[in-house]
Amino acid sequence: MWGLLSIKIIIPFFSGGRYLYVNQFSVNPITVFLSFINSPIKLHTLFYTFLSFGFLPVLSPAFWFLIFQDFFTRFYSSEMTAPWDLGFHYSALTSTIMAVSSIYSIHFLQKHIKNKFLTSFMVFVLLISGFLYRVTLHGPFALSYNPAFYTHTKDLAFLDNLIKKVPKNVSVMAQNNLAPHFTHQKVWLLLSSNEKNSVEYYTLKQPGYIVFDNRPGQNPNDHFGISDINVLLNSLQKDKNYKLFYQVGGSYIYKHS
């Protein structure tokens, strides 16, 4: 129910009537089955997900449908390949389902095998999980005790200074990785399908401040929908309604005059 409410009402309300991740699902069981095994990446994800929990979820049939639907929503699309892998956030729900189902499986095994064998098996599962996390899969939790991670975070402190230059009571237009910092006020994304529309969009909304970072080598999602951010920069430089308010390197703030 929450999924339908989010997809049909909440997200379209904020996105201008669109939900970007709609897929047409086939009811053909063969097509559904093949969607789980038609890529080495998917097979890799399935194997290491179950191995990380010692294949214990297999013994919890009450959770089979949850596991199936979770992987199905990740694997079915042939266009969005990022969810196929173990990276990003796509395994967050999977790991929770697998963990809870494993607890029920252990409870089941306690009734049918000796505790000494079960204890040895659980130690083995923990060792396997630790080995996979640290050696084979290089789990992201390792960043929490990697000094280089915190050093790199300090390298981005200049973006905090950029954000602090914008007053709290004004409307803002910013790129994807900066916009969340302005959610306490009226904010729009620098979002468009092409360069021409990107210029028209800010002209239409007339935000009080336009903030963006034009450093090379950024994630494409930072400027999602704008193939060349320099087109927008050139337009702002010529626009009499906006003046350069702040600039450091490739970071800019334009203020509505």
Protein backbone atom coordinates (compact mmCIF):
# COMPACT_ATOMS: atom_id res chain seq x y z
CA MET A 1 0.00 0.00 0.00
CA TRP A 2 2.84 2.39 0.85
CA GLY A 3 4.55 1.56 -2.43
CA LEU A 4 1.42 2.33 -4.46
CA LEU A 5 0.83 5.55 -2.51
CA SER A 6 4.41 6.68 -3.10
CA ILE A 7 4.56 5.76 -6.79
CA LYS A 8 1.09 6.94 -7.79
CA ILE A 9 0.61 10.05 -5.63
CA ILE A 10 3.54 11.30 -3.53
CA ILE A 11 6.41 11.07 -6.03
CA PRO A 12 4.40 12.37 -9.03
CA PHE A 13 3.27 15.33 -6.88
CA PHE A 14 6.87 16.46 -6.36
CA SER A 15 8.23 15.39 -9.76
CA GLY A 16 5.70 17.09 -11.98
CA GLY A 17 3.49 14.06 -12.58
CA ARG A 18 6.25 11.59 -13.42
CA TYR A 19 7.63 8.41 -11.88
CA LEU A 20 10.87 7.64 -13.71
CA TYR A 21 11.28 3.96 -12.88
CA VAL A 22 8.12 2.40 -14.29
CA ASN A 23 8.67 -0.93 -16.05
CA GLN A 24 6.33 -3.18 -17.97
CA PHE A 25 6.37 -6.57 -16.23
CA SER A 26 5.69 -9.78 -18.11
CA VAL A 27 3.50 -12.43 -16.52
CA ASN A 28 5.24 -15.13 -18.54
CA PRO A 29 6.90 -17.41 -15.93
CA ILE A 30 9.76 -18.26 -18.29
CA THR A 31 10.55 -14.57 -18.80
CA VAL A 32 10.42 -14.01 -15.05
CA PHE A 33 12.73 -16.96 -14.39
CA LEU A 34 15.24 -15.89 -17.03
CA SER A 35 15.37 -12.39 -15.54
CA PHE A 36 17.15 -13.94 -12.53
CA ILE A 37 19.85 -15.80 -14.45
CA ASN A 38 20.41 -13.97 -17.73
CA SER A 39 23.50 -12.13 -16.51
CA PRO A 40 26.71 -13.19 -14.71
CA ILE A 41 26.30 -10.11 -12.49
CA LYS A 42 22.90 -11.35 -11.26
CA LEU A 43 24.24 -14.84 -10.59
CA HIS A 44 27.17 -13.31 -8.69
CA THR A 45 24.78 -11.22 -6.58
CA LEU A 46 22.49 -14.17 -5.81
CA PHE A 47 25.32 -16.51 -4.87
CA TYR A 48 27.21 -14.14 -2.60
CA THR A 49 24.03 -12.81 -0.96
CA PHE A 50 22.94 -16.29 0.09
CA LEU A 51 26.51 -17.37 0.93
CA SER A 52 26.90 -14.38 3.25
CA PHE A 53 24.07 -15.82 5.35
CA GLY A 54 25.19 -19.43 5.06
CA PHE A 55 22.17 -20.18 2.81
CA LEU A 56 20.06 -20.16 5.97
CA PRO A 57 17.17 -18.22 4.34
CA VAL A 58 16.50 -21.28 2.19
CA LEU A 59 15.10 -22.96 5.32
CA SER A 60 12.53 -20.20 5.92
CA PRO A 61 9.73 -20.68 3.36
CA ALA A 62 7.65 -17.92 4.96
CA PHE A 63 10.25 -15.46 3.61
CA TRP A 64 10.64 -16.92 0.12
CA PHE A 65 8.13 -14.56 -1.46
CA LEU A 66 9.76 -11.51 0.15
CA ILE A 67 13.17 -12.62 -1.13
CA PHE A 68 11.73 -13.33 -4.59
CA GLN A 69 10.00 -9.96 -4.95
CA ASP A 70 13.05 -8.09 -3.68
CA PHE A 71 15.37 -9.63 -6.26
CA PHE A 72 12.69 -9.43 -8.95
CA THR A 73 12.35 -5.66 -8.59
CA ARG A 74 16.14 -5.37 -8.80
CA PHE A 75 16.70 -7.75 -11.71
CA TYR A 76 13.75 -7.39 -14.04
CA SER A 77 14.63 -4.11 -15.75
CA SER A 78 17.02 -4.54 -18.67
CA GLU A 79 17.73 -0.79 -18.74
CA MET A 80 18.66 -0.11 -15.11
CA THR A 81 21.64 -2.37 -14.43
CA ALA A 82 22.92 -0.70 -11.23
CA PRO A 83 20.54 -2.70 -8.95
CA TRP A 84 21.89 -5.98 -10.34
CA ASP A 85 25.16 -5.64 -8.48
CA LEU A 86 25.97 -5.69 -4.76
CA GLY A 87 27.02 -2.04 -4.83
CA PHE A 88 25.14 1.11 -3.89
CA HIS A 89 22.14 0.85 -1.55
CA TYR A 90 20.16 -1.82 -3.38
CA SER A 91 21.05 -4.60 -0.95
CA ALA A 92 19.81 -2.72 2.12
CA LEU A 93 16.34 -4.30 2.05
CA THR A 94 17.74 -7.62 0.88
CA SER A 95 20.14 -7.89 3.81
CA THR A 96 17.38 -7.14 6.32
CA ILE A 97 15.08 -9.80 4.87
CA MET A 98 17.92 -12.33 4.74
CA ALA A 99 18.97 -11.58 8.33
CA VAL A 100 15.48 -11.99 9.81
CA SER A 101 14.80 -15.14 7.78
CA SER A 102 18.14 -16.56 8.98
CA ILE A 103 17.05 -16.07 12.60
CA TYR A 104 13.91 -18.09 11.93
CA SER A 105 16.00 -20.74 10.20
CA ILE A 106 18.27 -21.04 13.24
CA HIS A 107 15.20 -21.42 15.43
CA PHE A 108 14.04 -24.22 13.14
CA LEU A 109 17.44 -25.96 13.25
CA GLN A 110 17.53 -25.81 17.05
CA LYS A 111 14.58 -28.17 17.10
CA HIS A 112 16.10 -30.69 14.71
CA ILE A 113 19.87 -30.85 15.26
CA LYS A 114 22.20 -30.88 18.23
CA ASN A 115 23.30 -27.55 19.68
CA LYS A 116 26.98 -28.47 19.40
CA PHE A 117 26.72 -28.93 15.63
CA LEU A 118 24.57 -25.81 15.28
CA THR A 119 27.13 -23.73 17.21
CA SER A 120 29.94 -24.96 14.96
CA PHE A 121 27.87 -24.17 11.89
CA MET A 122 27.12 -20.64 13.11
CA VAL A 123 30.80 -20.00 13.79
CA PHE A 124 31.51 -21.17 10.24
CA VAL A 125 28.85 -18.80 8.86
CA LEU A 126 30.34 -15.87 10.79
CA LEU A 127 33.81 -16.68 9.51
CA ILE A 128 32.54 -16.94 5.93
CA SER A 129 30.68 -13.62 6.26
CA GLY A 130 33.72 -11.89 7.71
CA PHE A 131 35.97 -13.25 4.97
CA LEU A 132 33.57 -12.20 2.21
CA TYR A 133 33.16 -8.74 3.71
CA ARG A 134 36.84 -8.00 4.19
CA VAL A 135 38.63 -9.98 1.47
CA THR A 136 36.29 -10.90 -1.38
CA LEU A 137 33.62 -8.21 -1.55
CA HIS A 138 35.38 -5.34 0.27
CA GLY A 139 32.28 -4.17 2.12
CA PRO A 140 31.73 -0.41 2.45
CA PHE A 141 31.68 -0.59 6.27
CA ALA A 142 35.47 -0.66 6.06
CA LEU A 143 35.34 3.04 5.17
CA SER A 144 34.37 3.78 8.79
CA TYR A 145 37.88 2.89 9.96
CA ASN A 146 39.81 3.97 6.85
CA PRO A 147 41.61 7.30 7.51
CA ALA A 148 41.68 8.09 3.78
CA PHE A 149 37.87 8.31 3.79
CA TYR A 150 37.88 11.10 6.37
CA THR A 151 40.75 12.86 4.66
CA HIS A 152 38.81 12.97 1.40
CA THR A 153 35.73 14.26 3.23
CA LYS A 154 37.77 17.24 4.44
CA ASP A 155 38.74 17.95 0.84
CA LEU A 156 35.08 18.81 0.16
CA ALA A 157 34.78 21.33 2.99
CA PHE A 158 34.73 24.13 0.42
CA LEU A 159 31.23 22.99 -0.60
CA ASP A 160 30.04 23.64 2.97
CA ASN A 161 31.37 27.17 2.67
CA LEU A 162 29.57 27.54 -0.66
CA ILE A 163 26.27 26.47 0.90
CA LYS A 164 26.68 28.82 3.88
CA LYS A 165 26.85 31.81 1.54
CA VAL A 166 23.17 31.34 0.61
CA PRO A 167 20.66 33.02 2.98
CA LYS A 168 18.11 30.82 4.76
CA ASN A 169 15.00 32.66 3.59
CA VAL A 170 15.46 32.66 -0.20
CA SER A 171 14.49 30.36 -3.06
CA VAL A 172 17.32 28.30 -4.52
CA MET A 173 18.05 26.29 -7.65
CA ALA A 174 20.92 23.82 -7.34
CA GLN A 175 22.33 20.61 -8.75
CA ASN A 176 21.46 17.19 -7.33
CA ASN A 177 24.28 16.84 -4.80
CA LEU A 178 23.76 20.35 -3.39
CA ALA A 179 19.96 20.68 -3.41
CA PRO A 180 19.38 18.50 -0.27
CA HIS A 181 21.17 21.15 1.80
CA PHE A 182 18.41 23.62 0.94
CA THR A 183 15.34 21.50 1.69
CA HIS A 184 14.44 23.80 4.60
CA GLN A 185 13.57 26.46 2.03
CA LYS A 186 12.10 26.61 -1.48
CA VAL A 187 14.42 24.69 -3.77
CA TRP A 188 14.43 23.44 -7.37
CA LEU A 189 16.79 21.10 -9.18
CA LEU A 190 18.83 22.09 -12.19
CA LEU A 191 16.94 19.47 -14.13
CA SER A 192 16.19 19.31 -17.85
CA SER A 193 16.33 17.06 -20.87
CA ASN A 194 18.67 19.29 -22.86
CA GLU A 195 20.70 22.48 -22.72
CA LYS A 196 17.97 24.74 -24.09
CA ASN A 197 15.42 23.60 -21.53
CA SER A 198 17.90 24.05 -18.68
CA VAL A 199 18.08 27.75 -19.50
CA GLU A 200 14.31 28.04 -19.87
CA TYR A 201 13.72 26.23 -16.58
CA TYR A 202 15.62 28.69 -14.39
CA THR A 203 14.09 31.55 -16.37
CA LEU A 204 10.64 30.17 -15.66
CA LYS A 205 11.20 29.64 -11.91
CA GLN A 206 13.28 32.77 -11.28
CA PRO A 207 15.00 31.48 -8.11
CA GLY A 208 16.61 33.99 -5.80
CA TYR A 209 19.94 32.15 -5.96
CA ILE A 210 21.40 29.62 -8.39
CA VAL A 211 24.14 27.44 -6.94
CA PHE A 212 26.28 24.95 -8.80
CA ASP A 213 29.69 23.37 -8.81
CA ASN A 214 31.36 23.01 -12.19
CA ARG A 215 34.43 20.98 -11.23
CA PRO A 216 35.39 18.30 -13.81
CA GLY A 217 35.06 14.59 -13.12
CA GLN A 218 31.85 14.71 -11.09
CA ASN A 219 29.22 12.01 -10.98
CA PRO A 220 26.84 12.50 -13.95
CA ASN A 221 23.92 12.43 -11.51
CA ASP A 222 25.15 15.69 -9.98
CA HIS A 223 24.03 17.46 -13.16
CA PHE A 224 21.33 14.96 -14.05
CA GLY A 225 19.64 15.92 -17.31
CA ILE A 226 22.17 18.61 -18.31
CA SER A 227 24.73 17.31 -20.78
CA ASP A 228 26.81 20.50 -20.66
CA ILE A 229 26.58 22.70 -17.55
CA ASN A 230 28.66 25.37 -19.34
CA VAL A 231 25.61 26.23 -21.46
CA LEU A 232 23.82 27.27 -18.28
CA LEU A 233 26.88 29.16 -17.03
CA ASN A 234 27.18 31.09 -20.29
CA SER A 235 23.48 31.97 -20.16
CA LEU A 236 23.76 33.29 -16.60
CA GLN A 237 26.77 35.40 -17.49
CA LYS A 238 24.68 37.14 -20.17
CA ASP A 239 21.45 37.32 -18.16
CA LYS A 240 20.81 40.86 -16.88
CA ASN A 241 18.51 39.49 -14.17
CA TYR A 242 21.36 37.61 -12.45
CA LYS A 243 24.71 38.75 -11.10
CA LEU A 244 27.66 36.70 -9.92
CA PHE A 245 27.42 36.68 -6.12
CA TYR A 246 30.20 34.27 -5.20
CA GLN A 247 32.84 32.19 -6.98
CA VAL A 248 35.67 29.95 -5.84
CA GLY A 249 37.29 27.83 -8.53
CA GLY A 250 34.50 26.03 -10.37
CA SER A 251 31.84 26.81 -7.77
CA TYR A 252 29.34 29.57 -8.50
CA ILE A 253 26.46 31.40 -6.86
CA TYR A 254 24.32 33.69 -8.98
CA LYS A 255 21.90 36.07 -7.29
CA HIS A 256 18.72 37.44 -8.80
CA SER A 257 19.08 41.21 -9.10
